Amino acid sequence: MKKIEFYRNSAGKSYVEEFLDSLTGKEAQKVTWTLKVIEDLDIVPKQYFKNLKNTEDIWEVRVDGINKTYRILGFFYKQELIILNHAFIKKTQKTPRNAIEIAIKRKNDYLRRKK
């Protein structure tokens, strides 16, 4: 079973929590449901969780809302722990490179502080 945690910077700020707080109740419910699916299923369908190619092993949580598409990026830490570190409303077909770069930067910060 996997466990999901949100990345916090050295000051304790969680960008994903801030993003979730900005959503309406129904939108947040949909995201929360998707995160629960990812935690509970051994094999998660790609429509909900997908590894992004050429990204230093960044994974994408995929949530399709009624009028918007949400993405939350993160990485695996010690096999069963997923650290989610960047969230955004997706407006283009491809995941924006700058979003991936933010996720990689935060991943490296997390790993550096865990040593």
PDB file of N, CA and C in Angstrom:
ATOM      1  N   MET A   1       0.832  -1.184   0.000  1.00  0.00           N
ATOM      2  CA  MET A   1       0.000   0.000   0.000  1.00  0.00           C
ATOM      3  C   MET A   1       0.878   1.250   0.000  1.00  0.00           C
ATOM      4  N   LYS A   2       0.517   2.208  -0.850  1.00  0.00           N
ATOM      5  CA  LYS A   2       1.269   3.448  -0.952  1.00  0.00           C
ATOM      6  C   LYS A   2       0.728   4.482   0.043  1.00  0.00           C
ATOM      7  N   LYS A   3       1.579   5.424   0.377  1.00  0.00           N
ATOM      8  CA  LYS A   3       1.181   6.528   1.241  1.00  0.00           C
ATOM      9  C   LYS A   3       1.569   7.822   0.545  1.00  0.00           C
ATOM     10  N   ILE A   4       0.694   8.818   0.611  1.00  0.00           N
ATOM     11  CA  ILE A   4       0.950  10.112  -0.020  1.00  0.00           C
ATOM     12  C   ILE A   4       1.205  11.155   1.063  1.00  0.00           C
ATOM     13  N   GLU A   5       2.256  11.943   0.841  1.00  0.00           N
ATOM     14  CA  GLU A   5       2.549  13.090   1.694  1.00  0.00           C
ATOM     15  C   GLU A   5       2.799  14.294   0.796  1.00  0.00           C
ATOM     16  N   PHE A   6       2.614  15.484   1.359  1.00  0.00           N
ATOM     17  CA  PHE A   6       2.881  16.711   0.622  1.00  0.00           C
ATOM     18  C   PHE A   6       4.239  17.264   1.020  1.00  0.00           C
ATOM     19  N   TYR A   7       4.993  17.650   0.025  1.00  0.00           N
ATOM     20  CA  TYR A   7       6.294  18.294   0.231  1.00  0.00           C
ATOM     21  C   TYR A   7       6.099  19.598   1.004  1.00  0.00           C
ATOM     22  N   ARG A   8       7.008  19.857   1.911  1.00  0.00           N
ATOM     23  CA  ARG A   8       7.060  21.139   2.625  1.00  0.00           C
ATOM     24  C   ARG A   8       8.466  21.705   2.463  1.00  0.00           C
ATOM     25  N   ASN A   9       8.541  22.996   2.176  1.00  0.00           N
ATOM     26  CA  ASN A   9       9.867  23.602   2.061  1.00  0.00           C
ATOM     27  C   ASN A   9      10.481  23.753   3.451  1.00  0.00           C
ATOM     28  N   SER A  10      11.663  24.308   3.526  1.00  0.00           N
ATOM     29  CA  SER A  10      12.361  24.385   4.811  1.00  0.00           C
ATOM     30  C   SER A  10      11.627  25.258   5.829  1.00  0.00           C
ATOM     31  N   ALA A  11      10.734  26.108   5.368  1.00  0.00           N
ATOM     32  CA  ALA A  11       9.935  26.948   6.273  1.00  0.00           C
ATOM     33  C   ALA A  11       8.607  26.291   6.645  1.00  0.00           C
ATOM     34  N   GLY A  12       8.352  25.089   6.102  1.00  0.00           N
ATOM     35  CA  GLY A  12       7.126  24.365   6.425  1.00  0.00           C
ATOM     36  C   GLY A  12       5.960  24.618   5.486  1.00  0.00           C
ATOM     37  N   LYS A  13       6.183  25.369   4.429  1.00  0.00           N
ATOM     38  CA  LYS A  13       5.115  25.705   3.480  1.00  0.00           C
ATOM     39  C   LYS A  13       4.851  24.533   2.533  1.00  0.00           C
ATOM     40  N   SER A  14       3.564  24.202   2.344  1.00  0.00           N
ATOM     41  CA  SER A  14       3.160  23.149   1.402  1.00  0.00           C
ATOM     42  C   SER A  14       2.418  23.785   0.236  1.00  0.00           C
ATOM     43  N   TYR A  15       3.028  23.745  -0.943  1.00  0.00           N
ATOM     44  CA  TYR A  15       2.434  24.340  -2.134  1.00  0.00           C
ATOM     45  C   TYR A  15       1.194  23.568  -2.585  1.00  0.00           C
ATOM     46  N   VAL A  16       1.204  22.272  -2.401  1.00  0.00           N
ATOM     47  CA  VAL A  16       0.053  21.457  -2.800  1.00  0.00           C
ATOM     48  C   VAL A  16      -1.138  21.744  -1.885  1.00  0.00           C
ATOM     49  N   GLU A  17      -0.906  21.854  -0.594  1.00  0.00           N
ATOM     50  CA  GLU A  17      -2.000  22.196   0.321  1.00  0.00           C
ATOM     51  C   GLU A  17      -2.595  23.556  -0.020  1.00  0.00           C
ATOM     52  N   GLU A  18      -1.740  24.519  -0.345  1.00  0.00           N
ATOM     53  CA  GLU A  18      -2.234  25.845  -0.734  1.00  0.00           C
ATOM     54  C   GLU A  18      -3.093  25.746  -1.991  1.00  0.00           C
ATOM     55  N   PHE A  19      -2.666  24.943  -2.951  1.00  0.00           N
ATOM     56  CA  PHE A  19      -3.435  24.751  -4.173  1.00  0.00           C
ATOM     57  C   PHE A  19      -4.789  24.120  -3.858  1.00  0.00           C
ATOM     58  N   LEU A  20      -4.786  23.074  -3.038  1.00  0.00           N
ATOM     59  CA  LEU A  20      -6.042  22.406  -2.684  1.00  0.00           C
ATOM     60  C   LEU A  20      -6.987  23.350  -1.941  1.00  0.00           C
ATOM     61  N   ASP A  21      -6.437  24.209  -1.096  1.00  0.00           N
ATOM     62  CA  ASP A  21      -7.263  25.177  -0.370  1.00  0.00           C
ATOM     63  C   ASP A  21      -7.921  26.188  -1.308  1.00  0.00           C
ATOM     64  N   SER A  22      -7.345  26.390  -2.492  1.00  0.00           N
ATOM     65  CA  SER A  22      -7.898  27.350  -3.445  1.00  0.00           C
ATOM     66  C   SER A  22      -9.055  26.769  -4.268  1.00  0.00           C
ATOM     67  N   LEU A  23      -9.256  25.460  -4.200  1.00  0.00           N
ATOM     68  CA  LEU A  23     -10.303  24.802  -4.988  1.00  0.00           C
ATOM     69  C   LEU A  23     -11.655  24.895  -4.293  1.00  0.00           C
ATOM     70  N   THR A  24     -12.721  24.745  -5.084  1.00  0.00           N
ATOM     71  CA  THR A  24     -14.053  24.661  -4.489  1.00  0.00           C
ATOM     72  C   THR A  24     -14.179  23.321  -3.776  1.00  0.00           C
ATOM     73  N   GLY A  25     -15.223  23.168  -2.988  1.00  0.00           N
ATOM     74  CA  GLY A  25     -15.436  21.922  -2.262  1.00  0.00           C
ATOM     75  C   GLY A  25     -15.522  20.711  -3.170  1.00  0.00           C
ATOM     76  N   LYS A  26     -16.271  20.818  -4.265  1.00  0.00           N
ATOM     77  CA  LYS A  26     -16.420  19.684  -5.197  1.00  0.00           C
ATOM     78  C   LYS A  26     -15.110  19.371  -5.905  1.00  0.00           C
ATOM     79  N   GLU A  27     -14.368  20.415  -6.270  1.00  0.00           N
ATOM     80  CA  GLU A  27     -13.082  20.194  -6.932  1.00  0.00           C
ATOM     81  C   GLU A  27     -12.113  19.489  -5.977  1.00  0.00           C
ATOM     82  N   ALA A  28     -12.051  19.964  -4.749  1.00  0.00           N
ATOM     83  CA  ALA A  28     -11.158  19.353  -3.759  1.00  0.00           C
ATOM     84  C   ALA A  28     -11.567  17.917  -3.480  1.00  0.00           C
ATOM     85  N   GLN A  29     -12.868  17.661  -3.464  1.00  0.00           N
ATOM     86  CA  GLN A  29     -13.368  16.296  -3.253  1.00  0.00           C
ATOM     87  C   GLN A  29     -12.880  15.364  -4.352  1.00  0.00           C
ATOM     88  N   LYS A  30     -12.912  15.825  -5.595  1.00  0.00           N
ATOM     89  CA  LYS A  30     -12.472  15.011  -6.728  1.00  0.00           C
ATOM     90  C   LYS A  30     -10.975  14.708  -6.616  1.00  0.00           C
ATOM     91  N   VAL A  31     -10.192  15.706  -6.248  1.00  0.00           N
ATOM     92  CA  VAL A  31      -8.749  15.500  -6.077  1.00  0.00           C
ATOM     93  C   VAL A  31      -8.497  14.509  -4.946  1.00  0.00           C
ATOM     94  N   THR A  32      -9.186  14.687  -3.836  1.00  0.00           N
ATOM     95  CA  THR A  32      -9.023  13.800  -2.682  1.00  0.00           C
ATOM     96  C   THR A  32      -9.394  12.361  -3.047  1.00  0.00           C
ATOM     97  N   TRP A  33     -10.464  12.177  -3.806  1.00  0.00           N
ATOM     98  CA  TRP A  33     -10.881  10.842  -4.243  1.00  0.00           C
ATOM     99  C   TRP A  33      -9.784  10.206  -5.092  1.00  0.00           C
ATOM    100  N   THR A  34      -9.213  10.984  -6.005  1.00  0.00           N
ATOM    101  CA  THR A  34      -8.153  10.456  -6.879  1.00  0.00           C
ATOM    102  C   THR A  34      -6.925  10.063  -6.057  1.00  0.00           C
ATOM    103  N   LEU A  35      -6.553  10.875  -5.079  1.00  0.00           N
ATOM    104  CA  LEU A  35      -5.403  10.540  -4.224  1.00  0.00           C
ATOM    105  C   LEU A  35      -5.664   9.246  -3.449  1.00  0.00           C
ATOM    106  N   LYS A  36      -6.892   9.052  -3.008  1.00  0.00           N
ATOM    107  CA  LYS A  36      -7.264   7.826  -2.285  1.00  0.00           C
ATOM    108  C   LYS A  36      -7.141   6.604  -3.201  1.00  0.00           C
ATOM    109  N   VAL A  37      -7.576   6.742  -4.453  1.00  0.00           N
ATOM    110  CA  VAL A  37      -7.442   5.655  -5.428  1.00  0.00           C
ATOM    111  C   VAL A  37      -5.971   5.276  -5.584  1.00  0.00           C
ATOM    112  N   ILE A  38      -5.117   6.279  -5.699  1.00  0.00           N
ATOM    113  CA  ILE A  38      -3.682   6.026  -5.875  1.00  0.00           C
ATOM    114  C   ILE A  38      -3.101   5.317  -4.656  1.00  0.00           C
ATOM    115  N   GLU A  39      -3.518   5.718  -3.464  1.00  0.00           N
ATOM    116  CA  GLU A  39      -3.015   5.063  -2.248  1.00  0.00           C
ATOM    117  C   GLU A  39      -3.515   3.629  -2.122  1.00  0.00           C
ATOM    118  N   ASP A  40      -4.754   3.386  -2.492  1.00  0.00           N
ATOM    119  CA  ASP A  40      -5.390   2.096  -2.217  1.00  0.00           C
ATOM    120  C   ASP A  40      -5.126   1.005  -3.250  1.00  0.00           C
ATOM    121  N   LEU A  41      -4.960   1.376  -4.519  1.00  0.00           N
ATOM    122  CA  LEU A  41      -4.801   0.356  -5.564  1.00  0.00           C
ATOM    123  C   LEU A  41      -3.332  -0.011  -5.757  1.00  0.00           C
ATOM    124  N   ASP A  42      -3.064  -1.307  -5.897  1.00  0.00           N
ATOM    125  CA  ASP A  42      -1.704  -1.751  -6.189  1.00  0.00           C
ATOM    126  C   ASP A  42      -1.281  -1.326  -7.588  1.00  0.00           C
ATOM    127  N   ILE A  43      -2.193  -1.463  -8.544  1.00  0.00           N
ATOM    128  CA  ILE A  43      -1.941  -1.045  -9.917  1.00  0.00           C
ATOM    129  C   ILE A  43      -2.937   0.059 -10.241  1.00  0.00           C
ATOM    130  N   VAL A  44      -2.422   1.283 -10.378  1.00  0.00           N
ATOM    131  CA  VAL A  44      -3.275   2.451 -10.607  1.00  0.00           C
ATOM    132  C   VAL A  44      -3.388   2.700 -12.108  1.00  0.00           C
ATOM    133  N   PRO A  45      -4.611   2.852 -12.629  1.00  0.00           N
ATOM    134  CA  PRO A  45      -4.774   3.152 -14.058  1.00  0.00           C
ATOM    135  C   PRO A  45      -4.055   4.453 -14.434  1.00  0.00           C
ATOM    136  N   LYS A  46      -3.500   4.479 -15.645  1.00  0.00           N
ATOM    137  CA  LYS A  46      -2.752   5.650 -16.107  1.00  0.00           C
ATOM    138  C   LYS A  46      -3.619   6.902 -16.193  1.00  0.00           C
ATOM    139  N   GLN A  47      -4.921   6.738 -16.240  1.00  0.00           N
ATOM    140  CA  GLN A  47      -5.778   7.917 -16.294  1.00  0.00           C
ATOM    141  C   GLN A  47      -5.709   8.712 -14.986  1.00  0.00           C
ATOM    142  N   TYR A  48      -5.189   8.092 -13.907  1.00  0.00           N
ATOM    143  CA  TYR A  48      -5.072   8.766 -12.615  1.00  0.00           C
ATOM    144  C   TYR A  48      -3.639   9.056 -12.188  1.00  0.00           C
ATOM    145  N   PHE A  49      -2.687   8.241 -12.647  1.00  0.00           N
ATOM    146  CA  PHE A  49      -1.319   8.350 -12.140  1.00  0.00           C
ATOM    147  C   PHE A  49      -0.365   7.838 -13.205  1.00  0.00           C
ATOM    148  N   LYS A  50       0.574   8.693 -13.615  1.00  0.00           N
ATOM    149  CA  LYS A  50       1.430   8.341 -14.745  1.00  0.00           C
ATOM    150  C   LYS A  50       2.843   8.881 -14.531  1.00  0.00           C
ATOM    151  N   ASN A  51       3.828   8.079 -14.899  1.00  0.00           N
ATOM    152  CA  ASN A  51       5.220   8.501 -14.873  1.00  0.00           C
ATOM    153  C   ASN A  51       5.475   9.373 -16.099  1.00  0.00           C
ATOM    154  N   LEU A  52       6.081  10.532 -15.888  1.00  0.00           N
ATOM    155  CA  LEU A  52       6.396  11.423 -17.003  1.00  0.00           C
ATOM    156  C   LEU A  52       7.784  11.085 -17.532  1.00  0.00           C
ATOM    157  N   LYS A  53       7.878  10.867 -18.816  1.00  0.00           N
ATOM    158  CA  LYS A  53       9.149  10.482 -19.433  1.00  0.00           C
ATOM    159  C   LYS A  53      10.132  11.650 -19.440  1.00  0.00           C
ATOM    160  N   ASN A  54      11.416  11.301 -19.332  1.00  0.00           N
ATOM    161  CA  ASN A  54      12.514  12.270 -19.387  1.00  0.00           C
ATOM    162  C   ASN A  54      12.381  13.377 -18.343  1.00  0.00           C
ATOM    163  N   THR A  55      12.039  13.001 -17.100  1.00  0.00           N
ATOM    164  CA  THR A  55      11.796  14.008 -16.063  1.00  0.00           C
ATOM    165  C   THR A  55      12.466  13.684 -14.727  1.00  0.00           C
ATOM    166  N   GLU A  56      13.459  12.845 -14.695  1.00  0.00           N
ATOM    167  CA  GLU A  56      14.093  12.454 -13.423  1.00  0.00           C
ATOM    168  C   GLU A  56      13.089  11.770 -12.506  1.00  0.00           C
ATOM    169  N   ASP A  57      12.245  10.921 -13.096  1.00  0.00           N
ATOM    170  CA  ASP A  57      11.280  10.086 -12.381  1.00  0.00           C
ATOM    171  C   ASP A  57      10.203  10.891 -11.643  1.00  0.00           C
ATOM    172  N   ILE A  58       9.679  11.900 -12.315  1.00  0.00           N
ATOM    173  CA  ILE A  58       8.550  12.665 -11.790  1.00  0.00           C
ATOM    174  C   ILE A  58       7.265  11.971 -12.235  1.00  0.00           C
ATOM    175  N   TRP A  59       6.308  11.880 -11.312  1.00  0.00           N
ATOM    176  CA  TRP A  59       5.009  11.265 -11.567  1.00  0.00           C
ATOM    177  C   TRP A  59       3.930  12.335 -11.550  1.00  0.00           C
ATOM    178  N   GLU A  60       2.854  12.068 -12.264  1.00  0.00           N
ATOM    179  CA  GLU A  60       1.765  13.026 -12.416  1.00  0.00           C
ATOM    180  C   GLU A  60       0.453  12.422 -11.940  1.00  0.00           C
ATOM    181  N   VAL A  61      -0.175  13.057 -10.960  1.00  0.00           N
ATOM    182  CA  VAL A  61      -1.533  12.710 -10.552  1.00  0.00           C
ATOM    183  C   VAL A  61      -2.444  13.466 -11.507  1.00  0.00           C
ATOM    184  N   ARG A  62      -3.392  12.743 -12.099  1.00  0.00           N
ATOM    185  CA  ARG A  62      -4.245  13.319 -13.130  1.00  0.00           C
ATOM    186  C   ARG A  62      -5.689  13.363 -12.649  1.00  0.00           C
ATOM    187  N   VAL A  63      -6.227  14.574 -12.552  1.00  0.00           N
ATOM    188  CA  VAL A  63      -7.597  14.756 -12.080  1.00  0.00           C
ATOM    189  C   VAL A  63      -8.348  15.572 -13.111  1.00  0.00           C
ATOM    190  N   ASP A  64      -9.390  14.983 -13.669  1.00  0.00           N
ATOM    191  CA  ASP A  64     -10.228  15.694 -14.626  1.00  0.00           C
ATOM    192  C   ASP A  64     -11.488  16.154 -13.924  1.00  0.00           C
ATOM    193  N   GLY A  65     -11.581  17.463 -13.721  1.00  0.00           N
ATOM    194  CA  GLY A  65     -12.757  18.048 -13.099  1.00  0.00           C
ATOM    195  C   GLY A  65     -13.841  18.294 -14.131  1.00  0.00           C
ATOM    196  N   ILE A  66     -14.880  18.981 -13.726  1.00  0.00           N
ATOM    197  CA  ILE A  66     -15.988  19.261 -14.640  1.00  0.00           C
ATOM    198  C   ILE A  66     -15.559  20.233 -15.734  1.00  0.00           C
ATOM    199  N   ASN A  67     -14.937  21.329 -15.350  1.00  0.00           N
ATOM    200  CA  ASN A  67     -14.522  22.341 -16.326  1.00  0.00           C
ATOM    201  C   ASN A  67     -13.016  22.523 -16.416  1.00  0.00           C
ATOM    202  N   LYS A  68     -12.279  21.879 -15.528  1.00  0.00           N
ATOM    203  CA  LYS A  68     -10.832  22.077 -15.469  1.00  0.00           C
ATOM    204  C   LYS A  68     -10.123  20.745 -15.293  1.00  0.00           C
ATOM    205  N   THR A  69      -8.872  20.748 -15.680  1.00  0.00           N
ATOM    206  CA  THR A  69      -8.019  19.580 -15.494  1.00  0.00           C
ATOM    207  C   THR A  69      -6.901  19.967 -14.540  1.00  0.00           C
ATOM    208  N   TYR A  70      -6.717  19.152 -13.509  1.00  0.00           N
ATOM    209  CA  TYR A  70      -5.711  19.431 -12.486  1.00  0.00           C
ATOM    210  C   TYR A  70      -4.589  18.407 -12.585  1.00  0.00           C
ATOM    211  N   ARG A  71      -3.385  18.871 -12.286  1.00  0.00           N
ATOM    212  CA  ARG A  71      -2.237  17.990 -12.228  1.00  0.00           C
ATOM    213  C   ARG A  71      -1.469  18.271 -10.940  1.00  0.00           C
ATOM    214  N   ILE A  72      -1.028  17.188 -10.314  1.00  0.00           N
ATOM    215  CA  ILE A  72      -0.178  17.296  -9.137  1.00  0.00           C
ATOM    216  C   ILE A  72       1.046  16.440  -9.409  1.00  0.00           C
ATOM    217  N   LEU A  73       2.216  17.055  -9.314  1.00  0.00           N
ATOM    218  CA  LEU A  73       3.464  16.355  -9.623  1.00  0.00           C
ATOM    219  C   LEU A  73       4.169  15.951  -8.335  1.00  0.00           C
ATOM    220  N   GLY A  74       4.923  14.872  -8.445  1.00  0.00           N
ATOM    221  CA  GLY A  74       5.672  14.396  -7.291  1.00  0.00           C
ATOM    222  C   GLY A  74       6.592  13.258  -7.667  1.00  0.00           C
ATOM    223  N   PHE A  75       7.036  12.525  -6.657  1.00  0.00           N
ATOM    224  CA  PHE A  75       8.010  11.456  -6.871  1.00  0.00           C
ATOM    225  C   PHE A  75       7.865  10.410  -5.775  1.00  0.00           C
ATOM    226  N   PHE A  76       8.413   9.240  -6.042  1.00  0.00           N
ATOM    227  CA  PHE A  76       8.445   8.177  -5.045  1.00  0.00           C
ATOM    228  C   PHE A  76       9.672   8.357  -4.163  1.00  0.00           C
ATOM    229  N   TYR A  77       9.479   8.098  -2.872  1.00  0.00           N
ATOM    230  CA  TYR A  77      10.575   8.090  -1.921  1.00  0.00           C
ATOM    231  C   TYR A  77      10.465   6.782  -1.149  1.00  0.00           C
ATOM    232  N   LYS A  78      11.506   5.983  -1.195  1.00  0.00           N
ATOM    233  CA  LYS A  78      11.512   4.674  -0.523  1.00  0.00           C
ATOM    234  C   LYS A  78      10.325   3.811  -0.952  1.00  0.00           C
ATOM    235  N   GLN A  79      10.113   3.660  -2.205  1.00  0.00           N
ATOM    236  CA  GLN A  79       9.162   2.763  -2.879  1.00  0.00           C
ATOM    237  C   GLN A  79       7.686   3.017  -2.602  1.00  0.00           C
ATOM    238  N   GLU A  80       7.257   3.068  -1.365  1.00  0.00           N
ATOM    239  CA  GLU A  80       5.831   3.148  -1.071  1.00  0.00           C
ATOM    240  C   GLU A  80       5.344   4.544  -0.684  1.00  0.00           C
ATOM    241  N   LEU A  81       6.252   5.498  -0.555  1.00  0.00           N
ATOM    242  CA  LEU A  81       5.874   6.848  -0.156  1.00  0.00           C
ATOM    243  C   LEU A  81       5.946   7.774  -1.367  1.00  0.00           C
ATOM    244  N   ILE A  82       4.840   8.451  -1.649  1.00  0.00           N
ATOM    245  CA  ILE A  82       4.783   9.404  -2.753  1.00  0.00           C
ATOM    246  C   ILE A  82       4.781  10.808  -2.154  1.00  0.00           C
ATOM    247  N   ILE A  83       5.723  11.630  -2.587  1.00  0.00           N
ATOM    248  CA  ILE A  83       5.808  13.015  -2.135  1.00  0.00           C
ATOM    249  C   ILE A  83       5.290  13.896  -3.267  1.00  0.00           C
ATOM    250  N   LEU A  84       4.158  14.559  -3.032  1.00  0.00           N
ATOM    251  CA  LEU A  84       3.587  15.464  -4.028  1.00  0.00           C
ATOM    252  C   LEU A  84       4.076  16.875  -3.733  1.00  0.00           C
ATOM    253  N   ASN A  85       4.619  17.546  -4.778  1.00  0.00           N
ATOM    254  CA  ASN A  85       5.288  18.808  -4.503  1.00  0.00           C
ATOM    255  C   ASN A  85       4.888  19.993  -5.380  1.00  0.00           C
ATOM    256  N   HIS A  86       4.051  19.790  -6.385  1.00  0.00           N
ATOM    257  CA  HIS A  86       3.650  20.914  -7.242  1.00  0.00           C
ATOM    258  C   HIS A  86       2.284  20.607  -7.842  1.00  0.00           C
ATOM    259  N   ALA A  87       1.402  21.601  -7.861  1.00  0.00           N
ATOM    260  CA  ALA A  87       0.056  21.406  -8.404  1.00  0.00           C
ATOM    261  C   ALA A  87      -0.324  22.602  -9.270  1.00  0.00           C
ATOM    262  N   PHE A  88      -1.129  22.338 -10.290  1.00  0.00           N
ATOM    263  CA  PHE A  88      -1.541  23.412 -11.193  1.00  0.00           C
ATOM    264  C   PHE A  88      -2.767  22.987 -11.987  1.00  0.00           C
ATOM    265  N   ILE A  89      -3.407  23.979 -12.601  1.00  0.00           N
ATOM    266  CA  ILE A  89      -4.503  23.715 -13.531  1.00  0.00           C
ATOM    267  C   ILE A  89      -3.868  23.564 -14.902  1.00  0.00           C
ATOM    268  N   LYS A  90      -4.152  22.455 -15.540  1.00  0.00           N
ATOM    269  CA  LYS A  90      -3.538  22.168 -16.833  1.00  0.00           C
ATOM    270  C   LYS A  90      -4.327  22.862 -17.936  1.00  0.00           C
ATOM    271  N   LYS A  91      -3.608  23.616 -18.775  1.00  0.00           N
ATOM    272  CA  LYS A  91      -4.265  24.378 -19.827  1.00  0.00           C
ATOM    273  C   LYS A  91      -3.818  23.975 -21.227  1.00  0.00           C
ATOM    274  N   THR A  92      -2.800  23.123 -21.318  1.00  0.00           N
ATOM    275  CA  THR A  92      -2.296  22.681 -22.613  1.00  0.00           C
ATOM    276  C   THR A  92      -2.260  21.157 -22.654  1.00  0.00           C
ATOM    277  N   GLN A  93      -2.065  20.612 -23.834  1.00  0.00           N
ATOM    278  CA  GLN A  93      -2.024  19.157 -24.003  1.00  0.00           C
ATOM    279  C   GLN A  93      -0.854  18.529 -23.251  1.00  0.00           C
ATOM    280  N   LYS A  94       0.322  19.145 -23.377  1.00  0.00           N
ATOM    281  CA  LYS A  94       1.513  18.622 -22.705  1.00  0.00           C
ATOM    282  C   LYS A  94       1.675  19.263 -21.345  1.00  0.00           C
ATOM    283  N   THR A  95       2.291  18.514 -20.437  1.00  0.00           N
ATOM    284  CA  THR A  95       2.621  19.080 -19.133  1.00  0.00           C
ATOM    285  C   THR A  95       3.707  20.130 -19.342  1.00  0.00           C
ATOM    286  N   PRO A  96       3.487  21.355 -18.867  1.00  0.00           N
ATOM    287  CA  PRO A  96       4.462  22.426 -19.097  1.00  0.00           C
ATOM    288  C   PRO A  96       5.834  22.088 -18.514  1.00  0.00           C
ATOM    289  N   ARG A  97       6.868  22.378 -19.278  1.00  0.00           N
ATOM    290  CA  ARG A  97       8.239  22.073 -18.847  1.00  0.00           C
ATOM    291  C   ARG A  97       8.589  22.803 -17.548  1.00  0.00           C
ATOM    292  N   ASN A  98       8.113  24.054 -17.400  1.00  0.00           N
ATOM    293  CA  ASN A  98       8.446  24.784 -16.173  1.00  0.00           C
ATOM    294  C   ASN A  98       7.829  24.123 -14.944  1.00  0.00           C
ATOM    295  N   ALA A  99       6.663  23.498 -15.077  1.00  0.00           N
ATOM    296  CA  ALA A  99       6.048  22.774 -13.955  1.00  0.00           C
ATOM    297  C   ALA A  99       6.907  21.563 -13.583  1.00  0.00           C
ATOM    298  N   ILE A 100       7.412  20.875 -14.587  1.00  0.00           N
ATOM    299  CA  ILE A 100       8.284  19.724 -14.344  1.00  0.00           C
ATOM    300  C   ILE A 100       9.571  20.169 -13.658  1.00  0.00           C
ATOM    301  N   GLU A 101      10.127  21.290 -14.107  1.00  0.00           N
ATOM    302  CA  GLU A 101      11.365  21.798 -13.508  1.00  0.00           C
ATOM    303  C   GLU A 101      11.153  22.189 -12.043  1.00  0.00           C
ATOM    304  N   ILE A 102       9.996  22.760 -11.718  1.00  0.00           N
ATOM    305  CA  ILE A 102       9.684  23.088 -10.321  1.00  0.00           C
ATOM    306  C   ILE A 102       9.631  21.802  -9.494  1.00  0.00           C
ATOM    307  N   ALA A 103       8.973  20.773 -10.032  1.00  0.00           N
ATOM    308  CA  ALA A 103       8.865  19.497  -9.322  1.00  0.00           C
ATOM    309  C   ALA A 103      10.238  18.861  -9.106  1.00  0.00           C
ATOM    310  N   ILE A 104      11.104  18.929 -10.093  1.00  0.00           N
ATOM    311  CA  ILE A 104      12.456  18.375  -9.964  1.00  0.00           C
ATOM    312  C   ILE A 104      13.250  19.152  -8.909  1.00  0.00           C
ATOM    313  N   LYS A 105      13.147  20.476  -8.939  1.00  0.00           N
ATOM    314  CA  LYS A 105      13.859  21.311  -7.964  1.00  0.00           C
ATOM    315  C   LYS A 105      13.405  20.972  -6.537  1.00  0.00           C
ATOM    316  N   ARG A 106      12.112  20.835  -6.340  1.00  0.00           N
ATOM    317  CA  ARG A 106      11.595  20.517  -5.001  1.00  0.00           C
ATOM    318  C   ARG A 106      11.956  19.089  -4.593  1.00  0.00           C
ATOM    319  N   LYS A 107      11.989  18.179  -5.549  1.00  0.00           N
ATOM    320  CA  LYS A 107      12.420  16.805  -5.257  1.00  0.00           C
ATOM    321  C   LYS A 107      13.864  16.819  -4.755  1.00  0.00           C
ATOM    322  N   ASN A 108      14.725  17.531  -5.459  1.00  0.00           N
ATOM    323  CA  ASN A 108      16.133  17.598  -5.068  1.00  0.00           C
ATOM    324  C   ASN A 108      16.294  18.241  -3.692  1.00  0.00           C
ATOM    325  N   ASP A 109      15.494  19.272  -3.404  1.00  0.00           N
ATOM    326  CA  ASP A 109      15.531  19.907  -2.088  1.00  0.00           C
ATOM    327  C   ASP A 109      15.114  18.915  -1.006  1.00  0.00           C
ATOM    328  N   TYR A 110      14.044  18.178  -1.253  1.00  0.00           N
ATOM    329  CA  TYR A 110      13.552  17.185  -0.293  1.00  0.00           C
ATOM    330  C   TYR A 110      14.624  16.131  -0.008  1.00  0.00           C
ATOM    331  N   LEU A 111      15.201  15.585  -1.074  1.00  0.00           N
ATOM    332  CA  LEU A 111      16.212  14.536  -0.910  1.00  0.00           C
ATOM    333  C   LEU A 111      17.452  15.059  -0.192  1.00  0.00           C
ATOM    334  N   ARG A 112      17.856  16.276  -0.484  1.00  0.00           N
ATOM    335  CA  ARG A 112      19.014  16.878   0.165  1.00  0.00           C
ATOM    336  C   ARG A 112      18.772  17.043   1.664  1.00  0.00           C
ATOM    337  N   ARG A 113      17.564  17.475   2.031  1.00  0.00           N
ATOM    338  CA  ARG A 113      17.256  17.674   3.452  1.00  0.00           C
ATOM    339  C   ARG A 113      17.027  16.363   4.194  1.00  0.00           C
ATOM    340  N   LYS A 114      16.700  15.276   3.483  1.00  0.00           N
ATOM    341  CA  LYS A 114      16.479  13.970   4.126  1.00  0.00           C
ATOM    342  C   LYS A 114      17.790  13.267   4.459  1.00  0.00           C
ATOM    343  N   LYS A 115      18.895  13.696   3.848  1.00  0.00           N
ATOM    344  CA  LYS A 115      20.177  13.019   4.097  1.00  0.00           C
ATOM    345  C   LYS A 115      20.669  13.230   5.499  1.00  0.00           C
TER     346      LYS A 115
END
